Amino acid sequence: MSLGFKYFIIQACMIVIYSTDYLLITKYFGPKDVANYDIVLKVFQVPMMLAIAALSPYWSIFSKTFVEKK
């Protein structure tokens, strides 16, 4: 598989994970716990978004190094 296809698979899996979490929490724990999860997610999502924004320019360098090592 090419590197681009691997990134595509990872992104598709992340979309599924992030879009089904509320449904799974509702099914197994109840709607009340969805609100608690949402608050915690919003608090911890800020540092994650900052880290992603800081690392985004480096992905091309990481990809180039990965491909050249093979």
C-alpha atoms as a PDB file:
ATOM      1  CA  MET A   1       0.000   0.000   0.000  1.00  0.00           C
ATOM      2  CA  SER A   2       1.164   3.493  -0.698  1.00  0.00           C
ATOM      3  CA  LEU A   3       1.709   6.001   2.064  1.00  0.00           C
ATOM      4  CA  GLY A   4      -1.194   8.162   0.906  1.00  0.00           C
ATOM      5  CA  PHE A   5      -3.604   5.237   1.099  1.00  0.00           C
ATOM      6  CA  LYS A   6      -2.423   4.465   4.641  1.00  0.00           C
ATOM      7  CA  TYR A   7      -3.159   8.056   5.665  1.00  0.00           C
ATOM      8  CA  PHE A   8      -6.570   7.773   4.036  1.00  0.00           C
ATOM      9  CA  ILE A   9      -7.399   4.628   6.039  1.00  0.00           C
ATOM     10  CA  ILE A  10      -6.292   6.303   9.278  1.00  0.00           C
ATOM     11  CA  GLN A  11      -8.439   9.364   8.563  1.00  0.00           C
ATOM     12  CA  ALA A  12     -11.467   7.216   7.678  1.00  0.00           C
ATOM     13  CA  CYS A  13     -11.099   5.282  10.939  1.00  0.00           C
ATOM     14  CA  MET A  14     -10.858   8.505  12.942  1.00  0.00           C
ATOM     15  CA  ILE A  15     -14.060   9.790  11.352  1.00  0.00           C
ATOM     16  CA  VAL A  16     -15.855   6.606  12.398  1.00  0.00           C
ATOM     17  CA  ILE A  17     -14.444   6.770  15.929  1.00  0.00           C
ATOM     18  CA  TYR A  18     -15.320  10.437  16.446  1.00  0.00           C
ATOM     19  CA  SER A  19     -18.798  10.120  14.949  1.00  0.00           C
ATOM     20  CA  THR A  20     -19.906   7.055  16.926  1.00  0.00           C
ATOM     21  CA  ASP A  21     -18.720   7.915  20.427  1.00  0.00           C
ATOM     22  CA  TYR A  22     -21.942   9.699  21.419  1.00  0.00           C
ATOM     23  CA  LEU A  23     -24.033   6.789  20.151  1.00  0.00           C
ATOM     24  CA  LEU A  24     -22.013   4.242  22.080  1.00  0.00           C
ATOM     25  CA  ILE A  25     -22.104   6.267  25.303  1.00  0.00           C
ATOM     26  CA  THR A  26     -25.870   6.699  24.968  1.00  0.00           C
ATOM     27  CA  LYS A  27     -26.378   2.987  24.336  1.00  0.00           C
ATOM     28  CA  TYR A  28     -24.205   1.696  27.181  1.00  0.00           C
ATOM     29  CA  PHE A  29     -24.371   4.444  29.816  1.00  0.00           C
ATOM     30  CA  GLY A  30     -27.371   6.672  29.045  1.00  0.00           C
ATOM     31  CA  PRO A  31     -27.964  10.184  27.733  1.00  0.00           C
ATOM     32  CA  LYS A  32     -26.951  11.834  31.024  1.00  0.00           C
ATOM     33  CA  ASP A  33     -23.374  10.646  30.610  1.00  0.00           C
ATOM     34  CA  VAL A  34     -23.166  12.089  27.099  1.00  0.00           C
ATOM     35  CA  ALA A  35     -23.319  15.597  28.572  1.00  0.00           C
ATOM     36  CA  ASN A  36     -20.496  14.790  31.013  1.00  0.00           C
ATOM     37  CA  TYR A  37     -18.411  13.314  28.196  1.00  0.00           C
ATOM     38  CA  ASP A  38     -19.024  16.352  25.995  1.00  0.00           C
ATOM     39  CA  ILE A  39     -17.809  18.771  28.674  1.00  0.00           C
ATOM     40  CA  VAL A  40     -14.642  16.765  29.319  1.00  0.00           C
ATOM     41  CA  LEU A  41     -14.041  16.365  25.581  1.00  0.00           C
ATOM     42  CA  LYS A  42     -14.237  20.117  25.029  1.00  0.00           C
ATOM     43  CA  VAL A  43     -11.773  20.797  27.856  1.00  0.00           C
ATOM     44  CA  PHE A  44      -9.192  18.268  26.662  1.00  0.00           C
ATOM     45  CA  GLN A  45      -9.719  18.932  22.969  1.00  0.00           C
ATOM     46  CA  VAL A  46      -8.065  22.366  23.136  1.00  0.00           C
ATOM     47  CA  PRO A  47      -4.535  21.081  23.919  1.00  0.00           C
ATOM     48  CA  MET A  48      -4.949  18.346  21.318  1.00  0.00           C
ATOM     49  CA  MET A  49      -5.936  20.859  18.639  1.00  0.00           C
ATOM     50  CA  LEU A  50      -2.986  23.086  19.538  1.00  0.00           C
ATOM     51  CA  ALA A  51      -0.618  20.126  19.245  1.00  0.00           C
ATOM     52  CA  ILE A  52      -2.099  19.152  15.885  1.00  0.00           C
ATOM     53  CA  ALA A  53      -1.801  22.718  14.621  1.00  0.00           C
ATOM     54  CA  ALA A  54       1.821  22.880  15.776  1.00  0.00           C
ATOM     55  CA  LEU A  55       2.756  19.540  14.155  1.00  0.00           C
ATOM     56  CA  SER A  56       0.897  19.995  10.854  1.00  0.00           C
ATOM     57  CA  PRO A  57       3.762  21.724   9.018  1.00  0.00           C
ATOM     58  CA  TYR A  58       6.064  18.828   9.883  1.00  0.00           C
ATOM     59  CA  TRP A  59       3.964  16.038   8.313  1.00  0.00           C
ATOM     60  CA  SER A  60       5.575  16.464   4.903  1.00  0.00           C
ATOM     61  CA  ILE A  61       9.017  16.152   6.493  1.00  0.00           C
ATOM     62  CA  PHE A  62       7.954  13.038   8.408  1.00  0.00           C
ATOM     63  CA  SER A  63       6.499  11.499   5.240  1.00  0.00           C
ATOM     64  CA  LYS A  64       9.591  12.262   3.175  1.00  0.00           C
ATOM     65  CA  THR A  65      11.890  10.754   5.808  1.00  0.00           C
ATOM     66  CA  PHE A  66       9.685   7.658   6.096  1.00  0.00           C
ATOM     67  CA  VAL A  67       9.700   7.065   2.364  1.00  0.00           C
ATOM     68  CA  GLU A  68      13.436   7.673   1.985  1.00  0.00           C
ATOM     69  CA  LYS A  69      14.344   5.165   4.709  1.00  0.00           C
ATOM     70  CA  LYS A  70      12.772   2.289   2.717  1.00  0.00           C
END
